[in-house]
Amino acid sequence: MTVLPDYCLSVTCNVGTTGIVDMSQLIFSEKAGIYSALKDVQLFNQVRIELGALTWPNGADLDPVWLHEEIGKGGAWCVPG
């Protein structure tokens, strides 16, 4: 996984599926909840993989199954807000 500009991540799943995950729509949504803290680029950049999920120090995470399904559809996924 690589952090890209504009709240995006380049990911490669264990099975070889690769794609770009755009978190911006979720992060800036009025219903962002825990994800709103990721507006802080320094916090966003602290993303790591934990038990297969993308996770951040504030407790935000993305379901790896959902991520794999969505990037598998076309190589890019804009996480809805």
PDB file of N, CA and C in Angstrom:
ATOM      1  N   MET A   1       0.839  -1.167   0.000  1.00  0.00           N
ATOM      2  CA  MET A   1       0.000   0.000   0.000  1.00  0.00           C
ATOM      3  C   MET A   1       0.888   1.235   0.000  1.00  0.00           C
ATOM      4  N   THR A   2       0.448   2.220  -0.774  1.00  0.00           N
ATOM      5  CA  THR A   2       1.166   3.483  -0.873  1.00  0.00           C
ATOM      6  C   THR A   2       0.169   4.622  -0.702  1.00  0.00           C
ATOM      7  N   VAL A   3       0.523   5.603   0.120  1.00  0.00           N
ATOM      8  CA  VAL A   3      -0.308   6.795   0.276  1.00  0.00           C
ATOM      9  C   VAL A   3      -0.046   7.721  -0.910  1.00  0.00           C
ATOM     10  N   LEU A   4      -1.125   8.186  -1.517  1.00  0.00           N
ATOM     11  CA  LEU A   4      -1.061   9.100  -2.656  1.00  0.00           C
ATOM     12  C   LEU A   4      -1.648  10.452  -2.250  1.00  0.00           C
ATOM     13  N   PRO A   5      -1.452  11.481  -3.059  1.00  0.00           N
ATOM     14  CA  PRO A   5      -2.054  12.785  -2.750  1.00  0.00           C
ATOM     15  C   PRO A   5      -3.580  12.724  -2.771  1.00  0.00           C
ATOM     16  N   ASP A   6      -4.190  13.738  -2.178  1.00  0.00           N
ATOM     17  CA  ASP A   6      -5.645  13.936  -2.225  1.00  0.00           C
ATOM     18  C   ASP A   6      -6.434  12.808  -1.577  1.00  0.00           C
ATOM     19  N   TYR A   7      -5.911  12.270  -0.479  1.00  0.00           N
ATOM     20  CA  TYR A   7      -6.602  11.254   0.312  1.00  0.00           C
ATOM     21  C   TYR A   7      -6.861   9.958  -0.467  1.00  0.00           C
ATOM     22  N   CYS A   8      -5.892   9.588  -1.283  1.00  0.00           N
ATOM     23  CA  CYS A   8      -5.987   8.347  -2.043  1.00  0.00           C
ATOM     24  C   CYS A   8      -4.908   7.369  -1.596  1.00  0.00           C
ATOM     25  N   LEU A   9      -5.175   6.091  -1.827  1.00  0.00           N
ATOM     26  CA  LEU A   9      -4.244   5.017  -1.498  1.00  0.00           C
ATOM     27  C   LEU A   9      -4.129   4.081  -2.695  1.00  0.00           C
ATOM     28  N   SER A  10      -2.930   3.644  -2.976  1.00  0.00           N
ATOM     29  CA  SER A  10      -2.709   2.605  -3.969  1.00  0.00           C
ATOM     30  C   SER A  10      -2.556   1.298  -3.200  1.00  0.00           C
ATOM     31  N   VAL A  11      -3.403   0.334  -3.496  1.00  0.00           N
ATOM     32  CA  VAL A  11      -3.389  -0.923  -2.738  1.00  0.00           C
ATOM     33  C   VAL A  11      -3.205  -2.126  -3.650  1.00  0.00           C
ATOM     34  N   THR A  12      -2.594  -3.153  -3.089  1.00  0.00           N
ATOM     35  CA  THR A  12      -2.468  -4.441  -3.749  1.00  0.00           C
ATOM     36  C   THR A  12      -2.926  -5.494  -2.757  1.00  0.00           C
ATOM     37  N   CYS A  13      -3.941  -6.245  -3.126  1.00  0.00           N
ATOM     38  CA  CYS A  13      -4.474  -7.295  -2.250  1.00  0.00           C
ATOM     39  C   CYS A  13      -3.611  -8.554  -2.354  1.00  0.00           C
ATOM     40  N   ASN A  14      -3.734  -9.434  -1.395  1.00  0.00           N
ATOM     41  CA  ASN A  14      -2.962 -10.679  -1.367  1.00  0.00           C
ATOM     42  C   ASN A  14      -3.128 -11.509  -2.634  1.00  0.00           C
ATOM     43  N   VAL A  15      -4.293 -11.435  -3.262  1.00  0.00           N
ATOM     44  CA  VAL A  15      -4.554 -12.233  -4.461  1.00  0.00           C
ATOM     45  C   VAL A  15      -4.111 -11.520  -5.732  1.00  0.00           C
ATOM     46  N   GLY A  16      -3.474 -10.354  -5.583  1.00  0.00           N
ATOM     47  CA  GLY A  16      -2.935  -9.643  -6.729  1.00  0.00           C
ATOM     48  C   GLY A  16      -3.802  -8.534  -7.285  1.00  0.00           C
ATOM     49  N   THR A  17      -5.021  -8.385  -6.807  1.00  0.00           N
ATOM     50  CA  THR A  17      -5.877  -7.290  -7.255  1.00  0.00           C
ATOM     51  C   THR A  17      -5.250  -5.974  -6.820  1.00  0.00           C
ATOM     52  N   THR A  18      -5.146  -5.033  -7.750  1.00  0.00           N
ATOM     53  CA  THR A  18      -4.575  -3.727  -7.423  1.00  0.00           C
ATOM     54  C   THR A  18      -5.558  -2.634  -7.788  1.00  0.00           C
ATOM     55  N   GLY A  19      -5.438  -1.510  -7.113  1.00  0.00           N
ATOM     56  CA  GLY A  19      -6.302  -0.398  -7.431  1.00  0.00           C
ATOM     57  C   GLY A  19      -6.035   0.809  -6.564  1.00  0.00           C
ATOM     58  N   ILE A  20      -6.809   1.842  -6.844  1.00  0.00           N
ATOM     59  CA  ILE A  20      -6.715   3.103  -6.122  1.00  0.00           C
ATOM     60  C   ILE A  20      -7.988   3.272  -5.295  1.00  0.00           C
ATOM     61  N   VAL A  21      -7.804   3.598  -4.027  1.00  0.00           N
ATOM     62  CA  VAL A  21      -8.921   3.870  -3.124  1.00  0.00           C
ATOM     63  C   VAL A  21      -8.916   5.365  -2.833  1.00  0.00           C
ATOM     64  N   ASP A  22     -10.000   6.041  -3.206  1.00  0.00           N
ATOM     65  CA  ASP A  22     -10.145   7.477  -2.974  1.00  0.00           C
ATOM     66  C   ASP A  22     -11.029   7.667  -1.749  1.00  0.00           C
ATOM     67  N   MET A  23     -10.438   8.162  -0.664  1.00  0.00           N
ATOM     68  CA  MET A  23     -11.150   8.332   0.604  1.00  0.00           C
ATOM     69  C   MET A  23     -11.766   9.722   0.752  1.00  0.00           C
ATOM     70  N   SER A  24     -11.529  10.635  -0.195  1.00  0.00           N
ATOM     71  CA  SER A  24     -11.909  12.038  -0.017  1.00  0.00           C
ATOM     72  C   SER A  24     -13.404  12.254   0.180  1.00  0.00           C
ATOM     73  N   GLN A  25     -14.235  11.565  -0.580  1.00  0.00           N
ATOM     74  CA  GLN A  25     -15.682  11.754  -0.447  1.00  0.00           C
ATOM     75  C   GLN A  25     -16.150  11.371   0.954  1.00  0.00           C
ATOM     76  N   LEU A  26     -15.631  10.293   1.491  1.00  0.00           N
ATOM     77  CA  LEU A  26     -15.995   9.860   2.843  1.00  0.00           C
ATOM     78  C   LEU A  26     -15.476  10.836   3.888  1.00  0.00           C
ATOM     79  N   ILE A  27     -14.214  11.205   3.787  1.00  0.00           N
ATOM     80  CA  ILE A  27     -13.586  12.058   4.792  1.00  0.00           C
ATOM     81  C   ILE A  27     -14.279  13.411   4.906  1.00  0.00           C
ATOM     82  N   PHE A  28     -14.720  13.971   3.788  1.00  0.00           N
ATOM     83  CA  PHE A  28     -15.333  15.295   3.799  1.00  0.00           C
ATOM     84  C   PHE A  28     -16.861  15.262   3.844  1.00  0.00           C
ATOM     85  N   SER A  29     -17.439  14.090   4.036  1.00  0.00           N
ATOM     86  CA  SER A  29     -18.888  13.940   4.145  1.00  0.00           C
ATOM     87  C   SER A  29     -19.378  14.513   5.475  1.00  0.00           C
ATOM     88  N   GLU A  30     -20.612  15.010   5.474  1.00  0.00           N
ATOM     89  CA  GLU A  30     -21.217  15.487   6.720  1.00  0.00           C
ATOM     90  C   GLU A  30     -21.431  14.338   7.702  1.00  0.00           C
ATOM     91  N   LYS A  31     -21.463  13.114   7.197  1.00  0.00           N
ATOM     92  CA  LYS A  31     -21.678  11.933   8.033  1.00  0.00           C
ATOM     93  C   LYS A  31     -20.383  11.144   8.219  1.00  0.00           C
ATOM     94  N   ALA A  32     -19.230  11.810   8.123  1.00  0.00           N
ATOM     95  CA  ALA A  32     -17.934  11.128   8.162  1.00  0.00           C
ATOM     96  C   ALA A  32     -17.644  10.461   9.503  1.00  0.00           C
ATOM     97  N   GLY A  33     -18.183  10.991  10.580  1.00  0.00           N
ATOM     98  CA  GLY A  33     -17.921  10.399  11.893  1.00  0.00           C
ATOM     99  C   GLY A  33     -16.433  10.298  12.174  1.00  0.00           C
ATOM    100  N   ILE A  34     -15.982   9.111  12.529  1.00  0.00           N
ATOM    101  CA  ILE A  34     -14.588   8.867  12.880  1.00  0.00           C
ATOM    102  C   ILE A  34     -13.630   9.188  11.735  1.00  0.00           C
ATOM    103  N   TYR A  35     -14.116   9.106  10.503  1.00  0.00           N
ATOM    104  CA  TYR A  35     -13.270   9.359   9.333  1.00  0.00           C
ATOM    105  C   TYR A  35     -12.953  10.844   9.145  1.00  0.00           C
ATOM    106  N   SER A  36     -13.731  11.744   9.752  1.00  0.00           N
ATOM    107  CA  SER A  36     -13.475  13.183   9.590  1.00  0.00           C
ATOM    108  C   SER A  36     -12.103  13.574  10.127  1.00  0.00           C
ATOM    109  N   ALA A  37     -11.601  12.870  11.116  1.00  0.00           N
ATOM    110  CA  ALA A  37     -10.277  13.171  11.667  1.00  0.00           C
ATOM    111  C   ALA A  37      -9.172  12.950  10.628  1.00  0.00           C
ATOM    112  N   LEU A  38      -9.466  12.154   9.602  1.00  0.00           N
ATOM    113  CA  LEU A  38      -8.461  11.860   8.579  1.00  0.00           C
ATOM    114  C   LEU A  38      -8.222  13.037   7.638  1.00  0.00           C
ATOM    115  N   LYS A  39      -8.980  14.146   7.816  1.00  0.00           N
ATOM    116  CA  LYS A  39      -8.683  15.377   7.079  1.00  0.00           C
ATOM    117  C   LYS A  39      -7.266  15.839   7.403  1.00  0.00           C
ATOM    118  N   ASP A  40      -6.814  15.516   8.604  1.00  0.00           N
ATOM    119  CA  ASP A  40      -5.437  15.815   9.005  1.00  0.00           C
ATOM    120  C   ASP A  40      -4.524  14.890   8.205  1.00  0.00           C
ATOM    121  N   VAL A  41      -3.812  15.452   7.248  1.00  0.00           N
ATOM    122  CA  VAL A  41      -2.988  14.651   6.339  1.00  0.00           C
ATOM    123  C   VAL A  41      -1.961  13.816   7.105  1.00  0.00           C
ATOM    124  N   GLN A  42      -1.424  14.367   8.184  1.00  0.00           N
ATOM    125  CA  GLN A  42      -0.443  13.602   8.966  1.00  0.00           C
ATOM    126  C   GLN A  42      -1.085  12.342   9.547  1.00  0.00           C
ATOM    127  N   LEU A  43      -2.328  12.445  10.006  1.00  0.00           N
ATOM    128  CA  LEU A  43      -3.034  11.262  10.514  1.00  0.00           C
ATOM    129  C   LEU A  43      -3.368  10.315   9.365  1.00  0.00           C
ATOM    130  N   PHE A  44      -3.871  10.849   8.254  1.00  0.00           N
ATOM    131  CA  PHE A  44      -4.208  10.007   7.101  1.00  0.00           C
ATOM    132  C   PHE A  44      -2.997   9.189   6.662  1.00  0.00           C
ATOM    133  N   ASN A  45      -1.834   9.829   6.651  1.00  0.00           N
ATOM    134  CA  ASN A  45      -0.611   9.174   6.192  1.00  0.00           C
ATOM    135  C   ASN A  45      -0.131   8.068   7.127  1.00  0.00           C
ATOM    136  N   GLN A  46      -0.719   7.948   8.312  1.00  0.00           N
ATOM    137  CA  GLN A  46      -0.336   6.903   9.259  1.00  0.00           C
ATOM    138  C   GLN A  46      -1.091   5.597   9.033  1.00  0.00           C
ATOM    139  N   VAL A  47      -1.766   5.469   7.913  1.00  0.00           N
ATOM    140  CA  VAL A  47      -2.502   4.253   7.581  1.00  0.00           C
ATOM    141  C   VAL A  47      -1.560   3.048   7.613  1.00  0.00           C
ATOM    142  N   ARG A  48      -2.087   1.937   8.067  1.00  0.00           N
ATOM    143  CA  ARG A  48      -1.320   0.689   8.107  1.00  0.00           C
ATOM    144  C   ARG A  48      -2.285  -0.465   7.850  1.00  0.00           C
ATOM    145  N   ILE A  49      -1.738  -1.634   7.624  1.00  0.00           N
ATOM    146  CA  ILE A  49      -2.555  -2.830   7.433  1.00  0.00           C
ATOM    147  C   ILE A  49      -2.522  -3.626   8.728  1.00  0.00           C
ATOM    148  N   GLU A  50      -3.710  -3.913   9.242  1.00  0.00           N
ATOM    149  CA  GLU A  50      -3.832  -4.674  10.478  1.00  0.00           C
ATOM    150  C   GLU A  50      -4.900  -5.744  10.271  1.00  0.00           C
ATOM    151  N   LEU A  51      -4.499  -6.992  10.356  1.00  0.00           N
ATOM    152  CA  LEU A  51      -5.410  -8.120  10.116  1.00  0.00           C
ATOM    153  C   LEU A  51      -6.106  -8.000   8.763  1.00  0.00           C
ATOM    154  N   GLY A  52      -5.379  -7.492   7.770  1.00  0.00           N
ATOM    155  CA  GLY A  52      -5.902  -7.381   6.414  1.00  0.00           C
ATOM    156  C   GLY A  52      -6.684  -6.121   6.127  1.00  0.00           C
ATOM    157  N   ALA A  53      -6.963  -5.319   7.146  1.00  0.00           N
ATOM    158  CA  ALA A  53      -7.756  -4.101   6.961  1.00  0.00           C
ATOM    159  C   ALA A  53      -6.855  -2.871   6.978  1.00  0.00           C
ATOM    160  N   LEU A  54      -7.220  -1.874   6.189  1.00  0.00           N
ATOM    161  CA  LEU A  54      -6.549  -0.587   6.280  1.00  0.00           C
ATOM    162  C   LEU A  54      -7.040   0.076   7.556  1.00  0.00           C
ATOM    163  N   THR A  55      -6.119   0.466   8.417  1.00  0.00           N
ATOM    164  CA  THR A  55      -6.493   1.050   9.710  1.00  0.00           C
ATOM    165  C   THR A  55      -5.682   2.314   9.978  1.00  0.00           C
ATOM    166  N   TRP A  56      -6.250   3.173  10.820  1.00  0.00           N
ATOM    167  CA  TRP A  56      -5.602   4.403  11.233  1.00  0.00           C
ATOM    168  C   TRP A  56      -5.547   4.438  12.756  1.00  0.00           C
ATOM    169  N   PRO A  57      -4.617   5.214  13.323  1.00  0.00           N
ATOM    170  CA  PRO A  57      -4.449   5.253  14.775  1.00  0.00           C
ATOM    171  C   PRO A  57      -5.687   5.700  15.550  1.00  0.00           C
ATOM    172  N   ASN A  58      -6.605   6.429  14.920  1.00  0.00           N
ATOM    173  CA  ASN A  58      -7.804   6.890  15.627  1.00  0.00           C
ATOM    174  C   ASN A  58      -8.911   5.833  15.668  1.00  0.00           C
ATOM    175  N   GLY A  59      -8.663   4.649  15.106  1.00  0.00           N
ATOM    176  CA  GLY A  59      -9.656   3.573  15.127  1.00  0.00           C
ATOM    177  C   GLY A  59     -10.432   3.413  13.832  1.00  0.00           C
ATOM    178  N   ALA A  60     -10.278   4.335  12.902  1.00  0.00           N
ATOM    179  CA  ALA A  60     -10.951   4.208  11.600  1.00  0.00           C
ATOM    180  C   ALA A  60     -10.335   3.040  10.829  1.00  0.00           C
ATOM    181  N   ASP A  61     -11.176   2.345  10.072  1.00  0.00           N
ATOM    182  CA  ASP A  61     -10.665   1.250   9.250  1.00  0.00           C
ATOM    183  C   ASP A  61     -11.586   1.013   8.063  1.00  0.00           C
ATOM    184  N   LEU A  62     -11.111   0.210   7.115  1.00  0.00           N
ATOM    185  CA  LEU A  62     -11.911  -0.191   5.960  1.00  0.00           C
ATOM    186  C   LEU A  62     -11.957  -1.705   5.892  1.00  0.00           C
ATOM    187  N   ASP A  63     -13.133  -2.246   5.695  1.00  0.00           N
ATOM    188  CA  ASP A  63     -13.337  -3.683   5.579  1.00  0.00           C
ATOM    189  C   ASP A  63     -12.571  -4.202   4.360  1.00  0.00           C
ATOM    190  N   PRO A  64     -11.649  -5.146   4.555  1.00  0.00           N
ATOM    191  CA  PRO A  64     -10.845  -5.631   3.428  1.00  0.00           C
ATOM    192  C   PRO A  64     -11.657  -6.357   2.364  1.00  0.00           C
ATOM    193  N   VAL A  65     -12.730  -7.025   2.735  1.00  0.00           N
ATOM    194  CA  VAL A  65     -13.559  -7.729   1.752  1.00  0.00           C
ATOM    195  C   VAL A  65     -14.264  -6.718   0.851  1.00  0.00           C
ATOM    196  N   TRP A  66     -14.829  -5.690   1.469  1.00  0.00           N
ATOM    197  CA  TRP A  66     -15.516  -4.634   0.716  1.00  0.00           C
ATOM    198  C   TRP A  66     -14.525  -3.939  -0.212  1.00  0.00           C
ATOM    199  N   LEU A  67     -13.344  -3.597   0.298  1.00  0.00           N
ATOM    200  CA  LEU A  67     -12.316  -2.943  -0.498  1.00  0.00           C
ATOM    201  C   LEU A  67     -11.942  -3.802  -1.706  1.00  0.00           C
ATOM    202  N   HIS A  68     -11.679  -5.068  -1.474  1.00  0.00           N
ATOM    203  CA  HIS A  68     -11.293  -5.984  -2.563  1.00  0.00           C
ATOM    204  C   HIS A  68     -12.391  -6.080  -3.620  1.00  0.00           C
ATOM    205  N   GLU A  69     -13.637  -6.203  -3.186  1.00  0.00           N
ATOM    206  CA  GLU A  69     -14.757  -6.293  -4.132  1.00  0.00           C
ATOM    207  C   GLU A  69     -14.860  -5.028  -4.984  1.00  0.00           C
ATOM    208  N   GLU A  70     -14.724  -3.883  -4.343  1.00  0.00           N
ATOM    209  CA  GLU A  70     -14.913  -2.618  -5.058  1.00  0.00           C
ATOM    210  C   GLU A  70     -13.776  -2.317  -6.031  1.00  0.00           C
ATOM    211  N   ILE A  71     -12.528  -2.510  -5.640  1.00  0.00           N
ATOM    212  CA  ILE A  71     -11.445  -2.231  -6.594  1.00  0.00           C
ATOM    213  C   ILE A  71     -11.385  -3.299  -7.682  1.00  0.00           C
ATOM    214  N   GLY A  72     -11.911  -4.487  -7.387  1.00  0.00           N
ATOM    215  CA  GLY A  72     -11.957  -5.541  -8.385  1.00  0.00           C
ATOM    216  C   GLY A  72     -12.908  -5.245  -9.522  1.00  0.00           C
ATOM    217  N   LYS A  73     -13.848  -4.332  -9.309  1.00  0.00           N
ATOM    218  CA  LYS A  73     -14.828  -3.987 -10.333  1.00  0.00           C
ATOM    219  C   LYS A  73     -14.247  -3.101 -11.431  1.00  0.00           C
ATOM    220  N   GLY A  74     -13.191  -2.375 -11.124  1.00  0.00           N
ATOM    221  CA  GLY A  74     -12.672  -1.479 -12.151  1.00  0.00           C
ATOM    222  C   GLY A  74     -11.344  -0.834 -11.801  1.00  0.00           C
ATOM    223  N   GLY A  75     -10.741  -1.265 -10.730  1.00  0.00           N
ATOM    224  CA  GLY A  75      -9.415  -0.769 -10.378  1.00  0.00           C
ATOM    225  C   GLY A  75      -9.390   0.513  -9.569  1.00  0.00           C
ATOM    226  N   ALA A  76     -10.533   1.150  -9.414  1.00  0.00           N
ATOM    227  CA  ALA A  76     -10.591   2.369  -8.598  1.00  0.00           C
ATOM    228  C   ALA A  76     -11.885   2.360  -7.800  1.00  0.00           C
ATOM    229  N   TRP A  77     -11.808   2.895  -6.598  1.00  0.00           N
ATOM    230  CA  TRP A  77     -12.999   2.941  -5.735  1.00  0.00           C
ATOM    231  C   TRP A  77     -13.017   4.248  -4.981  1.00  0.00           C
ATOM    232  N   CYS A  78     -14.066   4.997  -5.166  1.00  0.00           N
ATOM    233  CA  CYS A  78     -14.300   6.211  -4.391  1.00  0.00           C
ATOM    234  C   CYS A  78     -15.216   5.804  -3.246  1.00  0.00           C
ATOM    235  N   VAL A  79     -14.681   5.739  -2.042  1.00  0.00           N
ATOM    236  CA  VAL A  79     -15.457   5.294  -0.887  1.00  0.00           C
ATOM    237  C   VAL A  79     -16.575   6.295  -0.645  1.00  0.00           C
ATOM    238  N   PRO A  80     -17.836   5.838  -0.628  1.00  0.00           N
ATOM    239  CA  PRO A  80     -18.957   6.752  -0.469  1.00  0.00           C
ATOM    240  C   PRO A  80     -19.003   7.388   0.919  1.00  0.00           C
ATOM    241  N   GLY A  81     -19.557   8.599   0.943  1.00  0.00           N
ATOM    242  CA  GLY A  81     -19.637   9.347   2.203  1.00  0.00           C
ATOM    243  C   GLY A  81     -20.914   9.180   2.912  1.00  0.00           C
TER     244      GLY A  81
END
